[in-house]
All heavy atoms as atom14 arrays in JSON, in Angstrom:
{
  "sequence": "AIKKEGVDELKRKIFELVSDRFYKIYPNHHSFAYNQLWLEHG",
  "atom14_mask": [
    [1, 1, 1, 1, 1, 0, 0, 0, 0, 0, 0, 0, 0, 0],
    [1, 1, 1, 1, 1, 1, 1, 1, 0, 0, 0, 0, 0, 0],
    [1, 1, 1, 1, 1, 1, 1, 1, 1, 0, 0, 0, 0, 0],
    [1, 1, 1, 1, 1, 1, 1, 1, 1, 0, 0, 0, 0, 0],
    [1, 1, 1, 1, 1, 1, 1, 1, 1, 0, 0, 0, 0, 0],
    [1, 1, 1, 1, 0, 0, 0, 0, 0, 0, 0, 0, 0, 0],
    [1, 1, 1, 1, 1, 1, 1, 0, 0, 0, 0, 0, 0, 0],
    [1, 1, 1, 1, 1, 1, 1, 1, 0, 0, 0, 0, 0, 0],
    [1, 1, 1, 1, 1, 1, 1, 1, 1, 0, 0, 0, 0, 0],
    [1, 1, 1, 1, 1, 1, 1, 1, 0, 0, 0, 0, 0, 0],
    [1, 1, 1, 1, 1, 1, 1, 1, 1, 0, 0, 0, 0, 0],
    [1, 1, 1, 1, 1, 1, 1, 1, 1, 1, 1, 0, 0, 0],
    [1, 1, 1, 1, 1, 1, 1, 1, 1, 0, 0, 0, 0, 0],
    [1, 1, 1, 1, 1, 1, 1, 1, 0, 0, 0, 0, 0, 0],
    [1, 1, 1, 1, 1, 1, 1, 1, 1, 1, 1, 0, 0, 0],
    [1, 1, 1, 1, 1, 1, 1, 1, 1, 0, 0, 0, 0, 0],
    [1, 1, 1, 1, 1, 1, 1, 1, 0, 0, 0, 0, 0, 0],
    [1, 1, 1, 1, 1, 1, 1, 0, 0, 0, 0, 0, 0, 0],
    [1, 1, 1, 1, 1, 1, 0, 0, 0, 0, 0, 0, 0, 0],
    [1, 1, 1, 1, 1, 1, 1, 1, 0, 0, 0, 0, 0, 0],
    [1, 1, 1, 1, 1, 1, 1, 1, 1, 1, 1, 0, 0, 0],
    [1, 1, 1, 1, 1, 1, 1, 1, 1, 1, 1, 0, 0, 0],
    [1, 1, 1, 1, 1, 1, 1, 1, 1, 1, 1, 1, 0, 0],
    [1, 1, 1, 1, 1, 1, 1, 1, 1, 0, 0, 0, 0, 0],
    [1, 1, 1, 1, 1, 1, 1, 1, 0, 0, 0, 0, 0, 0],
    [1, 1, 1, 1, 1, 1, 1, 1, 1, 1, 1, 1, 0, 0],
    [1, 1, 1, 1, 1, 1, 1, 0, 0, 0, 0, 0, 0, 0],
    [1, 1, 1, 1, 1, 1, 1, 1, 0, 0, 0, 0, 0, 0],
    [1, 1, 1, 1, 1, 1, 1, 1, 1, 1, 0, 0, 0, 0],
    [1, 1, 1, 1, 1, 1, 1, 1, 1, 1, 0, 0, 0, 0],
    [1, 1, 1, 1, 1, 1, 0, 0, 0, 0, 0, 0, 0, 0],
    [1, 1, 1, 1, 1, 1, 1, 1, 1, 1, 1, 0, 0, 0],
    [1, 1, 1, 1, 1, 0, 0, 0, 0, 0, 0, 0, 0, 0],
    [1, 1, 1, 1, 1, 1, 1, 1, 1, 1, 1, 1, 0, 0],
    [1, 1, 1, 1, 1, 1, 1, 1, 0, 0, 0, 0, 0, 0],
    [1, 1, 1, 1, 1, 1, 1, 1, 1, 0, 0, 0, 0, 0],
    [1, 1, 1, 1, 1, 1, 1, 1, 0, 0, 0, 0, 0, 0],
    [1, 1, 1, 1, 1, 1, 1, 1, 1, 1, 1, 1, 1, 1],
    [1, 1, 1, 1, 1, 1, 1, 1, 0, 0, 0, 0, 0, 0],
    [1, 1, 1, 1, 1, 1, 1, 1, 1, 0, 0, 0, 0, 0],
    [1, 1, 1, 1, 1, 1, 1, 1, 1, 1, 0, 0, 0, 0],
    [1, 1, 1, 1, 0, 0, 0, 0, 0, 0, 0, 0, 0, 0]
  ],
  "atom14_positions": [
    [[0.83, -1.21, 0.0], [0.0, 0.0, 0.0], [0.86, 1.25, 0.0], [0.54, 2.24, -0.66], [-0.93, -0.01, 1.21], [0.0, 0.0, 0.0], [0.0, 0.0, 0.0], [0.0, 0.0, 0.0], [0.0, 0.0, 0.0], [0.0, 0.0, 0.0], [0.0, 0.0, 0.0], [0.0, 0.0, 0.0], [0.0, 0.0, 0.0], [0.0, 0.0, 0.0]],
    [[1.98, 1.2, 0.72], [2.82, 2.39, 0.84], [3.5, 2.73, -0.49], [3.72, 3.89, -0.82], [3.87, 2.2, 1.97], [4.39, 3.55, 2.46], [4.99, 1.29, 1.54], [3.4, 4.33, 3.28], [0.0, 0.0, 0.0], [0.0, 0.0, 0.0], [0.0, 0.0, 0.0], [0.0, 0.0, 0.0], [0.0, 0.0, 0.0], [0.0, 0.0, 0.0]],
    [[3.82, 1.69, -1.29], [4.46, 1.91, -2.59], [3.48, 1.79, -3.75], [3.88, 1.88, -4.91], [5.62, 0.92, -2.79], [6.79, 1.19, -1.85], [8.03, 0.43, -2.29], [9.23, 0.82, -1.45], [10.47, 0.13, -1.89], [0.0, 0.0, 0.0], [0.0, 0.0, 0.0], [0.0, 0.0, 0.0], [0.0, 0.0, 0.0], [0.0, 0.0, 0.0]],
    [[2.21, 1.56, -3.41], [1.13, 1.48, -4.39], [1.36, 0.38, -5.43], [1.04, 0.54, -6.6], [0.93, 2.84, -5.07], [0.57, 3.94, -4.09], [0.32, 5.27, -4.78], [-0.04, 6.35, -3.76], [-0.26, 7.66, -4.39], [0.0, 0.0, 0.0], [0.0, 0.0, 0.0], [0.0, 0.0, 0.0], [0.0, 0.0, 0.0], [0.0, 0.0, 0.0]],
    [[1.92, -0.74, -4.98], [2.1, -1.9, -5.83], [0.94, -2.87, -5.63], [0.64, -3.26, -4.5], [3.42, -2.61, -5.5], [4.66, -1.75, -5.74], [5.93, -2.42, -5.24], [5.84, -3.56, -4.74], [7.01, -1.8, -5.34], [0.0, 0.0, 0.0], [0.0, 0.0, 0.0], [0.0, 0.0, 0.0], [0.0, 0.0, 0.0], [0.0, 0.0, 0.0]],
    [[0.26, -3.24, -6.7], [-0.87, -4.15, -6.6], [-2.19, -3.47, -6.32], [-3.2, -4.13, -6.05], [0.0, 0.0, 0.0], [0.0, 0.0, 0.0], [0.0, 0.0, 0.0], [0.0, 0.0, 0.0], [0.0, 0.0, 0.0], [0.0, 0.0, 0.0], [0.0, 0.0, 0.0], [0.0, 0.0, 0.0], [0.0, 0.0, 0.0], [0.0, 0.0, 0.0]],
    [[-2.22, -2.13, -6.42], [-3.43, -1.37, -6.1], [-4.55, -1.66, -7.09], [-5.72, -1.81, -6.7], [-3.13, 0.14, -6.04], [-4.42, 0.93, -5.85], [-2.15, 0.44, -4.92], [0.0, 0.0, 0.0], [0.0, 0.0, 0.0], [0.0, 0.0, 0.0], [0.0, 0.0, 0.0], [0.0, 0.0, 0.0], [0.0, 0.0, 0.0], [0.0, 0.0, 0.0]],
    [[-4.23, -1.73, -8.39], [-5.26, -2.0, -9.39], [-5.94, -3.35, -9.14], [-7.16, -3.48, -9.26], [-4.66, -1.96, -10.81], [-4.29, -0.55, -11.23], [-4.8, 0.39, -10.6], [-3.48, -0.4, -12.17], [0.0, 0.0, 0.0], [0.0, 0.0, 0.0], [0.0, 0.0, 0.0], [0.0, 0.0, 0.0], [0.0, 0.0, 0.0], [0.0, 0.0, 0.0]],
    [[-5.14, -4.36, -8.81], [-5.68, -5.68, -8.52], [-6.54, -5.64, -7.25], [-7.58, -6.29, -7.17], [-4.54, -6.69, -8.36], [-4.98, -8.11, -8.02], [-5.72, -8.81, -9.15], [-5.81, -8.23, -10.26], [-6.23, -9.92, -8.93], [0.0, 0.0, 0.0], [0.0, 0.0, 0.0], [0.0, 0.0, 0.0], [0.0, 0.0, 0.0], [0.0, 0.0, 0.0]],
    [[-6.1, -4.86, -6.26], [-6.87, -4.71, -5.03], [-8.25, -4.12, -5.33], [-9.27, -4.63, -4.87], [-6.13, -3.8, -4.04], [-6.9, -3.4, -2.77], [-7.15, -4.62, -1.89], [-6.15, -2.31, -2.0], [0.0, 0.0, 0.0], [0.0, 0.0, 0.0], [0.0, 0.0, 0.0], [0.0, 0.0, 0.0], [0.0, 0.0, 0.0], [0.0, 0.0, 0.0]],
    [[-8.27, -3.06, -6.14], [-9.53, -2.42, -6.49], [-10.44, -3.38, -7.26], [-11.66, -3.42, -7.03], [-9.27, -1.16, -7.32], [-8.63, -0.02, -6.52], [-8.38, 1.17, -7.41], [-7.76, 2.32, -6.63], [-7.47, 3.49, -7.49], [0.0, 0.0, 0.0], [0.0, 0.0, 0.0], [0.0, 0.0, 0.0], [0.0, 0.0, 0.0], [0.0, 0.0, 0.0]],
    [[-9.85, -4.16, -8.16], [-10.65, -5.1, -8.93], [-11.28, -6.16, -8.03], [-12.46, -6.5, -8.17], [-9.79, -5.78, -10.01], [-10.6, -6.6, -11.01], [-9.7, -7.31, -12.01], [-8.93, -8.38, -11.39], [-9.42, -9.59, -11.13], [-10.67, -9.88, -11.41], [-8.66, -10.51, -10.58], [0.0, 0.0, 0.0], [0.0, 0.0, 0.0], [0.0, 0.0, 0.0]],
    [[-10.47, -6.68, -7.09], [-10.97, -7.7, -6.17], [-12.08, -7.15, -5.28], [-13.09, -7.82, -5.03], [-9.82, -8.21, -5.29], [-8.8, -9.06, -6.02], [-9.19, -10.53, -5.99], [-8.05, -11.41, -6.45], [-8.43, -12.84, -6.4], [0.0, 0.0, 0.0], [0.0, 0.0, 0.0], [0.0, 0.0, 0.0], [0.0, 0.0, 0.0], [0.0, 0.0, 0.0]],
    [[-11.88, -5.93, -4.76], [-12.9, -5.32, -3.91], [-14.17, -5.08, -4.73], [-15.29, -5.33, -4.27], [-12.39, -4.0, -3.29], [-11.27, -4.29, -2.28], [-13.53, -3.22, -2.63], [-10.62, -3.05, -1.7], [0.0, 0.0, 0.0], [0.0, 0.0, 0.0], [0.0, 0.0, 0.0], [0.0, 0.0, 0.0], [0.0, 0.0, 0.0], [0.0, 0.0, 0.0]],
    [[-13.98, -4.6, -5.97], [-15.14, -4.32, -6.82], [-15.95, -5.58, -7.1], [-17.18, -5.54, -7.13], [-14.69, -3.67, -8.13], [-15.85, -3.32, -9.03], [-16.64, -2.22, -8.76], [-16.14, -4.1, -10.13], [-17.72, -1.91, -9.57], [-17.22, -3.8, -10.95], [-18.01, -2.69, -10.67], [0.0, 0.0, 0.0], [0.0, 0.0, 0.0], [0.0, 0.0, 0.0]],
    [[-15.28, -6.7, -7.3], [-15.99, -7.96, -7.54], [-16.92, -8.28, -6.37], [-18.09, -8.66, -6.56], [-15.0, -9.11, -7.73], [-14.28, -9.11, -9.06], [-13.3, -10.26, -9.17], [-13.13, -10.99, -8.16], [-12.69, -10.43, -10.23], [0.0, 0.0, 0.0], [0.0, 0.0, 0.0], [0.0, 0.0, 0.0], [0.0, 0.0, 0.0], [0.0, 0.0, 0.0]],
    [[-16.4, -8.11, -5.15], [-17.19, -8.41, -3.95], [-18.31, -7.39, -3.75], [-19.46, -7.75, -3.46], [-16.29, -8.45, -2.72], [-15.24, -9.57, -2.67], [-14.3, -9.37, -1.49], [-15.91, -10.94, -2.57], [0.0, 0.0, 0.0], [0.0, 0.0, 0.0], [0.0, 0.0, 0.0], [0.0, 0.0, 0.0], [0.0, 0.0, 0.0], [0.0, 0.0, 0.0]],
    [[-17.96, -6.11, -3.92], [-18.93, -5.04, -3.69], [-20.05, -5.09, -4.73], [-21.25, -4.98, -4.38], [-18.23, -3.67, -3.73], [-19.26, -2.53, -3.79], [-17.33, -3.5, -2.5], [0.0, 0.0, 0.0], [0.0, 0.0, 0.0], [0.0, 0.0, 0.0], [0.0, 0.0, 0.0], [0.0, 0.0, 0.0], [0.0, 0.0, 0.0], [0.0, 0.0, 0.0]],
    [[-19.7, -5.24, -5.99], [-20.71, -5.21, -7.05], [-21.64, -6.42, -6.95], [-22.85, -6.31, -7.23], [-20.06, -5.17, -8.43], [-19.25, -6.31, -8.66], [0.0, 0.0, 0.0], [0.0, 0.0, 0.0], [0.0, 0.0, 0.0], [0.0, 0.0, 0.0], [0.0, 0.0, 0.0], [0.0, 0.0, 0.0], [0.0, 0.0, 0.0], [0.0, 0.0, 0.0]],
    [[-21.11, -7.56, -6.52], [-21.95, -8.74, -6.36], [-23.06, -8.47, -5.35], [-24.24, -8.8, -5.56], [-21.11, -9.93, -5.9], [-21.93, -11.2, -5.72], [-22.46, -11.69, -6.73], [-22.06, -11.67, -4.58], [0.0, 0.0, 0.0], [0.0, 0.0, 0.0], [0.0, 0.0, 0.0], [0.0, 0.0, 0.0], [0.0, 0.0, 0.0], [0.0, 0.0, 0.0]],
    [[-22.69, -7.82, -4.23], [-23.67, -7.47, -3.2], [-24.58, -6.35, -3.7], [-25.8, -6.38, -3.49], [-22.94, -7.05, -1.92], [-23.84, -6.51, -0.83], [-24.83, -7.54, -0.34], [-25.66, -7.03, 0.72], [-26.83, -7.55, 1.08], [-27.29, -8.62, 0.46], [-27.53, -7.01, 2.05], [0.0, 0.0, 0.0], [0.0, 0.0, 0.0], [0.0, 0.0, 0.0]],
    [[-24.02, -5.36, -4.37], [-24.78, -4.19, -4.84], [-25.89, -4.6, -5.8], [-27.03, -4.14, -5.69], [-23.83, -3.2, -5.51], [-24.51, -1.95, -6.02], [-24.8, -0.91, -5.16], [-24.85, -1.83, -7.35], [-25.42, 0.25, -5.62], [-25.47, -0.68, -7.83], [-25.75, 0.36, -6.95], [0.0, 0.0, 0.0], [0.0, 0.0, 0.0], [0.0, 0.0, 0.0]],
    [[-25.58, -5.48, -6.74], [-26.58, -5.86, -7.75], [-27.62, -6.83, -7.2], [-28.67, -7.02, -7.81], [-25.9, -6.42, -8.99], [-25.13, -5.37, -9.75], [-23.78, -5.52, -10.03], [-25.77, -4.2, -10.18], [-23.08, -4.54, -10.7], [-25.08, -3.22, -10.86], [-23.74, -3.39, -11.12], [-23.05, -2.41, -11.79], [0.0, 0.0, 0.0], [0.0, 0.0, 0.0]],
    [[-27.36, -7.42, -6.04], [-28.41, -8.19, -5.37], [-29.43, -7.25, -4.75], [-30.62, -7.56, -4.66], [-27.8, -9.11, -4.3], [-27.07, -10.31, -4.88], [-26.44, -11.16, -3.8], [-25.7, -12.36, -4.42], [-24.99, -13.16, -3.39], [0.0, 0.0, 0.0], [0.0, 0.0, 0.0], [0.0, 0.0, 0.0], [0.0, 0.0, 0.0], [0.0, 0.0, 0.0]],
    [[-28.94, -6.08, -4.29], [-29.84, -5.07, -3.73], [-30.54, -4.3, -4.84], [-31.74, -4.02, -4.76], [-29.06, -4.1, -2.82], [-28.36, -4.84, -1.68], [-29.99, -3.02, -2.25], [-27.45, -3.97, -0.83], [0.0, 0.0, 0.0], [0.0, 0.0, 0.0], [0.0, 0.0, 0.0], [0.0, 0.0, 0.0], [0.0, 0.0, 0.0], [0.0, 0.0, 0.0]],
    [[-29.77, -3.97, -5.89], [-30.31, -3.19, -7.01], [-30.11, -3.97, -8.32], [-29.25, -3.63, -9.12], [-29.61, -1.84, -7.09], [-29.7, -1.02, -5.83], [-28.62, -0.94, -4.95], [-30.86, -0.32, -5.51], [-28.7, -0.19, -3.79], [-30.95, 0.44, -4.36], [-29.86, 0.5, -3.49], [-29.94, 1.23, -2.34], [0.0, 0.0, 0.0], [0.0, 0.0, 0.0]],
    [[-30.9, -5.02, -8.57], [-30.69, -5.86, -9.76], [-30.93, -5.14, -11.08], [-30.41, -5.57, -12.11], [-31.72, -6.99, -9.57], [-32.75, -6.42, -8.66], [-32.02, -5.5, -7.74], [0.0, 0.0, 0.0], [0.0, 0.0, 0.0], [0.0, 0.0, 0.0], [0.0, 0.0, 0.0], [0.0, 0.0, 0.0], [0.0, 0.0, 0.0], [0.0, 0.0, 0.0]],
    [[-31.66, -4.04, -11.06], [-31.97, -3.33, -12.31], [-31.14, -2.06, -12.48], [-31.49, -1.2, -13.29], [-33.46, -2.98, -12.36], [-34.33, -4.22, -12.34], [-34.02, -5.21, -13.01], [-35.42, -4.17, -11.58], [0.0, 0.0, 0.0], [0.0, 0.0, 0.0], [0.0, 0.0, 0.0], [0.0, 0.0, 0.0], [0.0, 0.0, 0.0], [0.0, 0.0, 0.0]],
    [[-30.07, -1.94, -11.73], [-29.24, -0.74, -11.83], [-28.67, -0.61, -13.24], [-28.26, -1.6, -13.86], [-28.1, -0.81, -10.8], [-27.41, 0.5, -10.6], [-26.35, 0.89, -11.37], [-27.63, 1.52, -9.73], [-25.92, 2.08, -10.97], [-26.7, 2.48, -9.97], [0.0, 0.0, 0.0], [0.0, 0.0, 0.0], [0.0, 0.0, 0.0], [0.0, 0.0, 0.0]],
    [[-28.6, 0.62, -13.74], [-28.22, 0.85, -15.14], [-26.8, 0.42, -15.47], [-26.46, 0.18, -16.63], [-28.4, 2.34, -15.49], [-27.51, 3.25, -14.69], [-26.21, 3.5, -15.01], [-27.76, 3.96, -13.55], [-25.67, 4.33, -14.13], [-26.6, 4.63, -13.23], [0.0, 0.0, 0.0], [0.0, 0.0, 0.0], [0.0, 0.0, 0.0], [0.0, 0.0, 0.0]],
    [[-25.92, 0.28, -14.47], [-24.51, -0.04, -14.75], [-24.23, -1.53, -14.74], [-23.09, -1.96, -14.95], [-23.6, 0.64, -13.73], [-23.84, 0.12, -12.42], [0.0, 0.0, 0.0], [0.0, 0.0, 0.0], [0.0, 0.0, 0.0], [0.0, 0.0, 0.0], [0.0, 0.0, 0.0], [0.0, 0.0, 0.0], [0.0, 0.0, 0.0], [0.0, 0.0, 0.0]],
    [[-25.25, -2.36, -14.5], [-25.03, -3.79, -14.35], [-24.37, -4.42, -15.58], [-23.34, -5.08, -15.49], [-26.35, -4.51, -14.05], [-26.2, -6.0, -13.93], [-25.59, -6.56, -12.83], [-26.65, -6.84, -14.94], [-25.45, -7.94, -12.72], [-26.51, -8.22, -14.84], [-25.91, -8.76, -13.73], [0.0, 0.0, 0.0], [0.0, 0.0, 0.0], [0.0, 0.0, 0.0]],
    [[-24.95, -4.19, -16.77], [-24.42, -4.8, -17.99], [-23.01, -4.31, -18.27], [-22.12, -5.09, -18.65], [-25.33, -4.48, -19.18], [0.0, 0.0, 0.0], [0.0, 0.0, 0.0], [0.0, 0.0, 0.0], [0.0, 0.0, 0.0], [0.0, 0.0, 0.0], [0.0, 0.0, 0.0], [0.0, 0.0, 0.0], [0.0, 0.0, 0.0], [0.0, 0.0, 0.0]],
    [[-22.76, -3.01, -18.07], [-21.44, -2.44, -18.32], [-20.38, -3.1, -17.42], [-19.31, -3.52, -17.88], [-21.48, -0.94, -18.06], [-20.14, -0.26, -18.05], [-19.55, 0.19, -19.23], [-19.43, -0.07, -16.85], [-18.31, 0.8, -19.22], [-18.2, 0.53, -16.83], [-17.64, 0.98, -18.02], [-16.41, 1.59, -18.01], [0.0, 0.0, 0.0], [0.0, 0.0, 0.0]],
    [[-20.7, -3.23, -16.15], [-19.72, -3.76, -15.21], [-19.51, -5.27, -15.37], [-18.42, -5.77, -15.1], [-20.13, -3.42, -13.78], [-19.84, -1.96, -13.45], [-18.82, -1.42, -13.86], [-20.75, -1.32, -12.73], [0.0, 0.0, 0.0], [0.0, 0.0, 0.0], [0.0, 0.0, 0.0], [0.0, 0.0, 0.0], [0.0, 0.0, 0.0], [0.0, 0.0, 0.0]],
    [[-20.54, -5.98, -15.79], [-20.36, -7.4, -16.09], [-19.35, -7.57, -17.23], [-18.47, -8.43, -17.19], [-21.7, -8.03, -16.49], [-22.63, -8.29, -15.32], [-22.02, -9.31, -14.36], [-21.58, -8.95, -13.26], [-21.98, -10.56, -14.76], [0.0, 0.0, 0.0], [0.0, 0.0, 0.0], [0.0, 0.0, 0.0], [0.0, 0.0, 0.0], [0.0, 0.0, 0.0]],
    [[-19.46, -6.72, -18.25], [-18.52, -6.75, -19.36], [-17.12, -6.37, -18.9], [-16.12, -6.97, -19.31], [-18.99, -5.79, -20.46], [-18.29, -5.9, -21.82], [-18.45, -7.29, -22.41], [-18.82, -4.84, -22.79], [0.0, 0.0, 0.0], [0.0, 0.0, 0.0], [0.0, 0.0, 0.0], [0.0, 0.0, 0.0], [0.0, 0.0, 0.0], [0.0, 0.0, 0.0]],
    [[-17.06, -5.39, -18.0], [-15.77, -4.94, -17.46], [-15.06, -6.06, -16.71], [-13.86, -6.3, -16.88], [-16.01, -3.74, -16.53], [-14.77, -3.17, -15.92], [-13.9, -2.3, -16.49], [-14.25, -3.46, -14.62], [-12.87, -2.02, -15.63], [-13.06, -2.73, -14.47], [-14.66, -4.28, -13.57], [-12.3, -2.76, -13.32], [-13.9, -4.32, -12.42], [-12.74, -3.57, -12.32]],
    [[-15.82, -6.81, -15.89], [-15.23, -7.91, -15.14], [-14.79, -9.04, -16.06], [-13.76, -9.67, -15.84], [-16.24, -8.44, -14.11], [-16.49, -7.55, -12.89], [-17.66, -8.09, -12.08], [-15.24, -7.45, -12.03], [0.0, 0.0, 0.0], [0.0, 0.0, 0.0], [0.0, 0.0, 0.0], [0.0, 0.0, 0.0], [0.0, 0.0, 0.0], [0.0, 0.0, 0.0]],
    [[-15.57, -9.29, -17.12], [-15.2, -10.33, -18.07], [-13.9, -10.01, -18.8], [-13.18, -10.9, -19.23], [-16.34, -10.51, -19.09], [-17.57, -11.19, -18.5], [-18.74, -11.19, -19.46], [-18.52, -10.81, -20.64], [-19.85, -11.57, -19.05], [0.0, 0.0, 0.0], [0.0, 0.0, 0.0], [0.0, 0.0, 0.0], [0.0, 0.0, 0.0], [0.0, 0.0, 0.0]],
    [[-13.59, -8.72, -18.91], [-12.34, -8.29, -19.54], [-11.2, -8.16, -18.52], [-10.18, -7.55, -18.8], [-12.53, -6.96, -20.27], [-13.24, -7.09, -21.59], [-14.6, -7.3, -21.69], [-12.75, -7.08, -22.86], [-14.94, -7.39, -22.97], [-13.84, -7.27, -23.71], [0.0, 0.0, 0.0], [0.0, 0.0, 0.0], [0.0, 0.0, 0.0], [0.0, 0.0, 0.0]],
    [[-11.41, -8.74, -17.36], [-10.34, -8.76, -16.35], [-10.14, -7.45, -15.64], [-9.1, -7.23, -15.0], [0.0, 0.0, 0.0], [0.0, 0.0, 0.0], [0.0, 0.0, 0.0], [0.0, 0.0, 0.0], [0.0, 0.0, 0.0], [0.0, 0.0, 0.0], [0.0, 0.0, 0.0], [0.0, 0.0, 0.0], [0.0, 0.0, 0.0], [0.0, 0.0, 0.0]]
  ]
}
């Protein structure tokens, strides 16, 4: 964290967990399709 190495991977991992919970609460949110595509592209 201090040298900011691995930060992008950290954000991606957190986003996977957060978005999974978020879309269970808001299944019709407008960003769902976009972010599914984003995750599929790593």
